[in-house]
Amino acid sequence: MKVEILTTPGCSNCSVVERMLDDMKIPYNVIDVTEKPEYLEKYPIYTAPGIVIDDKLEFTGVPKKQELERKLS
């Protein structure tokens, strides 16, 4: 399973999602969309973070922990 967090500089909600994934011991990559705008073409998010699981945009913003766990299990 591949998990990516699409983030922007100074995104406090992104840290919340990173902590959730750390607590669940799920490895992830953080992608700054200001440095890699091609990600915005593939995943048009209007709110950071965007959470991409196996190349599919599953969430924008902070999901409920239970919903995130369900998608990852």
N, C-alpha and C. Protein backbone atom coordinates (compact mmCIF):
# COMPACT_ATOMS: atom_id res chain seq x y z
N MET A 1 0.85 -1.18 0.00
CA MET A 1 0.00 0.00 0.00
C MET A 1 0.89 1.24 0.00
N LYS A 2 0.54 2.19 -0.85
CA LYS A 2 1.30 3.44 -0.94
C LYS A 2 0.41 4.58 -0.45
N VAL A 3 0.90 5.36 0.53
CA VAL A 3 0.15 6.48 1.08
C VAL A 3 0.95 7.75 0.85
N GLU A 4 0.28 8.78 0.29
CA GLU A 4 0.93 10.07 0.08
C GLU A 4 0.06 11.16 0.69
N ILE A 5 0.71 12.12 1.33
CA ILE A 5 0.00 13.29 1.87
C ILE A 5 0.39 14.47 1.00
N LEU A 6 -0.61 15.07 0.35
CA LEU A 6 -0.37 16.27 -0.47
C LEU A 6 -0.51 17.47 0.46
N THR A 7 0.56 18.24 0.56
CA THR A 7 0.62 19.30 1.56
C THR A 7 1.01 20.63 0.93
N THR A 8 0.83 21.69 1.70
CA THR A 8 1.29 23.02 1.33
C THR A 8 2.11 23.56 2.50
N PRO A 9 2.97 24.53 2.28
CA PRO A 9 3.78 25.07 3.38
C PRO A 9 2.90 25.62 4.50
N GLY A 10 3.26 25.30 5.73
CA GLY A 10 2.56 25.82 6.89
C GLY A 10 1.18 25.23 7.11
N CYS A 11 0.94 24.04 6.59
CA CYS A 11 -0.38 23.40 6.72
C CYS A 11 -0.48 22.69 8.06
N SER A 12 -1.24 23.26 8.99
CA SER A 12 -1.35 22.65 10.32
C SER A 12 -2.17 21.36 10.29
N ASN A 13 -3.18 21.31 9.42
CA ASN A 13 -3.98 20.08 9.33
C ASN A 13 -3.14 18.91 8.80
N CYS A 14 -2.13 19.23 8.00
CA CYS A 14 -1.27 18.17 7.47
C CYS A 14 -0.54 17.46 8.61
N SER A 15 -0.10 18.22 9.61
CA SER A 15 0.58 17.63 10.77
C SER A 15 -0.35 16.70 11.53
N VAL A 16 -1.63 17.07 11.61
CA VAL A 16 -2.62 16.23 12.31
C VAL A 16 -2.70 14.87 11.62
N VAL A 17 -2.78 14.89 10.28
CA VAL A 17 -2.88 13.63 9.52
C VAL A 17 -1.58 12.83 9.66
N GLU A 18 -0.44 13.50 9.63
CA GLU A 18 0.84 12.79 9.79
C GLU A 18 0.89 12.10 11.15
N ARG A 19 0.43 12.78 12.21
CA ARG A 19 0.42 12.16 13.54
C ARG A 19 -0.50 10.94 13.57
N MET A 20 -1.68 11.05 12.92
CA MET A 20 -2.60 9.90 12.88
C MET A 20 -1.93 8.70 12.23
N LEU A 21 -1.27 8.93 11.08
CA LEU A 21 -0.61 7.83 10.37
C LEU A 21 0.56 7.28 11.19
N ASP A 22 1.29 8.17 11.87
CA ASP A 22 2.39 7.71 12.74
C ASP A 22 1.84 6.81 13.85
N ASP A 23 0.73 7.22 14.45
CA ASP A 23 0.11 6.42 15.52
C ASP A 23 -0.31 5.05 15.01
N MET A 24 -0.75 5.00 13.75
CA MET A 24 -1.19 3.74 13.16
C MET A 24 -0.02 2.95 12.58
N LYS A 25 1.19 3.53 12.65
CA LYS A 25 2.40 2.89 12.12
C LYS A 25 2.28 2.63 10.61
N ILE A 26 1.68 3.59 9.90
CA ILE A 26 1.53 3.50 8.44
C ILE A 26 2.61 4.39 7.80
N PRO A 27 3.48 3.83 6.95
CA PRO A 27 4.47 4.67 6.27
C PRO A 27 3.80 5.53 5.19
N TYR A 28 4.32 6.72 4.98
CA TYR A 28 3.73 7.63 3.99
C TYR A 28 4.81 8.56 3.45
N ASN A 29 4.51 9.15 2.30
CA ASN A 29 5.37 10.18 1.71
C ASN A 29 4.63 11.50 1.78
N VAL A 30 5.37 12.57 2.06
CA VAL A 30 4.79 13.91 2.08
C VAL A 30 5.20 14.60 0.79
N ILE A 31 4.21 15.12 0.06
CA ILE A 31 4.48 15.79 -1.20
C ILE A 31 4.00 17.24 -1.11
N ASP A 32 4.93 18.17 -1.24
CA ASP A 32 4.59 19.60 -1.23
C ASP A 32 4.12 19.98 -2.64
N VAL A 33 2.83 20.26 -2.78
CA VAL A 33 2.29 20.52 -4.12
C VAL A 33 2.77 21.86 -4.70
N THR A 34 3.33 22.73 -3.86
CA THR A 34 3.89 23.97 -4.41
C THR A 34 5.20 23.68 -5.13
N GLU A 35 5.88 22.58 -4.74
CA GLU A 35 7.12 22.19 -5.41
C GLU A 35 6.86 21.19 -6.54
N LYS A 36 5.73 20.50 -6.48
CA LYS A 36 5.40 19.50 -7.50
C LYS A 36 3.98 19.72 -8.00
N PRO A 37 3.77 20.81 -8.77
CA PRO A 37 2.41 21.15 -9.22
C PRO A 37 1.76 20.09 -10.10
N GLU A 38 2.56 19.17 -10.63
CA GLU A 38 1.97 18.10 -11.45
C GLU A 38 1.00 17.25 -10.61
N TYR A 39 1.21 17.21 -9.29
CA TYR A 39 0.28 16.47 -8.43
C TYR A 39 -1.10 17.12 -8.41
N LEU A 40 -1.13 18.45 -8.52
CA LEU A 40 -2.43 19.15 -8.54
C LEU A 40 -3.19 18.88 -9.82
N GLU A 41 -2.45 18.61 -10.90
CA GLU A 41 -3.12 18.27 -12.15
C GLU A 41 -3.77 16.89 -12.04
N LYS A 42 -3.07 15.98 -11.37
CA LYS A 42 -3.57 14.62 -11.21
C LYS A 42 -4.65 14.54 -10.13
N TYR A 43 -4.43 15.27 -9.02
CA TYR A 43 -5.36 15.27 -7.88
C TYR A 43 -5.74 16.71 -7.56
N PRO A 44 -6.82 17.22 -8.16
CA PRO A 44 -7.18 18.64 -7.95
C PRO A 44 -7.77 18.88 -6.55
N ILE A 45 -6.91 19.13 -5.57
CA ILE A 45 -7.39 19.39 -4.22
C ILE A 45 -7.52 20.90 -4.02
N TYR A 46 -8.53 21.28 -3.27
CA TYR A 46 -8.74 22.70 -2.95
C TYR A 46 -8.41 22.97 -1.49
N THR A 47 -8.32 21.91 -0.71
CA THR A 47 -8.00 22.02 0.71
C THR A 47 -6.88 21.03 1.00
N ALA A 48 -5.85 21.50 1.69
CA ALA A 48 -4.79 20.57 2.11
C ALA A 48 -5.15 20.07 3.51
N PRO A 49 -4.76 18.87 3.85
CA PRO A 49 -4.04 17.92 3.03
C PRO A 49 -4.96 17.11 2.12
N GLY A 50 -4.35 16.59 1.07
CA GLY A 50 -5.01 15.56 0.28
C GLY A 50 -4.36 14.24 0.66
N ILE A 51 -5.15 13.20 0.84
CA ILE A 51 -4.59 11.90 1.20
C ILE A 51 -4.82 10.95 0.04
N VAL A 52 -3.73 10.49 -0.54
CA VAL A 52 -3.78 9.60 -1.70
C VAL A 52 -3.35 8.21 -1.23
N ILE A 53 -4.22 7.22 -1.48
CA ILE A 53 -3.92 5.84 -1.12
C ILE A 53 -3.93 5.02 -2.40
N ASP A 54 -2.79 4.39 -2.68
CA ASP A 54 -2.64 3.59 -3.90
C ASP A 54 -3.10 4.36 -5.15
N ASP A 55 -2.59 5.58 -5.29
CA ASP A 55 -2.83 6.44 -6.46
C ASP A 55 -4.28 6.88 -6.63
N LYS A 56 -5.06 6.84 -5.55
CA LYS A 56 -6.44 7.32 -5.60
C LYS A 56 -6.64 8.34 -4.49
N LEU A 57 -7.13 9.52 -4.85
CA LEU A 57 -7.40 10.55 -3.85
C LEU A 57 -8.58 10.10 -3.00
N GLU A 58 -8.33 9.82 -1.72
CA GLU A 58 -9.37 9.30 -0.83
C GLU A 58 -9.97 10.37 0.07
N PHE A 59 -9.16 11.34 0.49
CA PHE A 59 -9.64 12.37 1.42
C PHE A 59 -9.03 13.72 1.07
N THR A 60 -9.78 14.79 1.33
CA THR A 60 -9.19 16.13 1.40
C THR A 60 -9.55 16.67 2.77
N GLY A 61 -8.62 17.41 3.36
CA GLY A 61 -8.82 17.85 4.73
C GLY A 61 -8.51 16.72 5.69
N VAL A 62 -8.91 16.89 6.95
CA VAL A 62 -8.60 15.88 7.98
C VAL A 62 -9.78 14.92 8.10
N PRO A 63 -9.55 13.63 7.80
CA PRO A 63 -10.64 12.66 7.96
C PRO A 63 -10.79 12.25 9.42
N LYS A 64 -11.92 11.66 9.75
CA LYS A 64 -12.07 11.05 11.07
C LYS A 64 -11.12 9.86 11.11
N LYS A 65 -10.53 9.63 12.27
CA LYS A 65 -9.54 8.56 12.39
C LYS A 65 -10.14 7.21 11.99
N GLN A 66 -11.39 6.96 12.36
CA GLN A 66 -12.03 5.68 12.01
C GLN A 66 -12.16 5.52 10.51
N GLU A 67 -12.50 6.59 9.82
CA GLU A 67 -12.64 6.52 8.35
C GLU A 67 -11.28 6.24 7.71
N LEU A 68 -10.24 6.89 8.22
CA LEU A 68 -8.90 6.68 7.69
C LEU A 68 -8.46 5.23 7.94
N GLU A 69 -8.71 4.73 9.15
CA GLU A 69 -8.35 3.34 9.46
C GLU A 69 -9.07 2.36 8.55
N ARG A 70 -10.35 2.64 8.27
CA ARG A 70 -11.14 1.75 7.40
C ARG A 70 -10.53 1.70 5.99
N LYS A 71 -10.13 2.87 5.46
CA LYS A 71 -9.55 2.91 4.11
C LYS A 71 -8.20 2.19 4.06
N LEU A 72 -7.50 2.18 5.19
CA LEU A 72 -6.15 1.62 5.21
C LEU A 72 -6.13 0.14 5.58
N SER A 73 -7.26 -0.40 6.01
CA SER A 73 -7.24 -1.80 6.45
C SER A 73 -7.67 -2.74 5.32
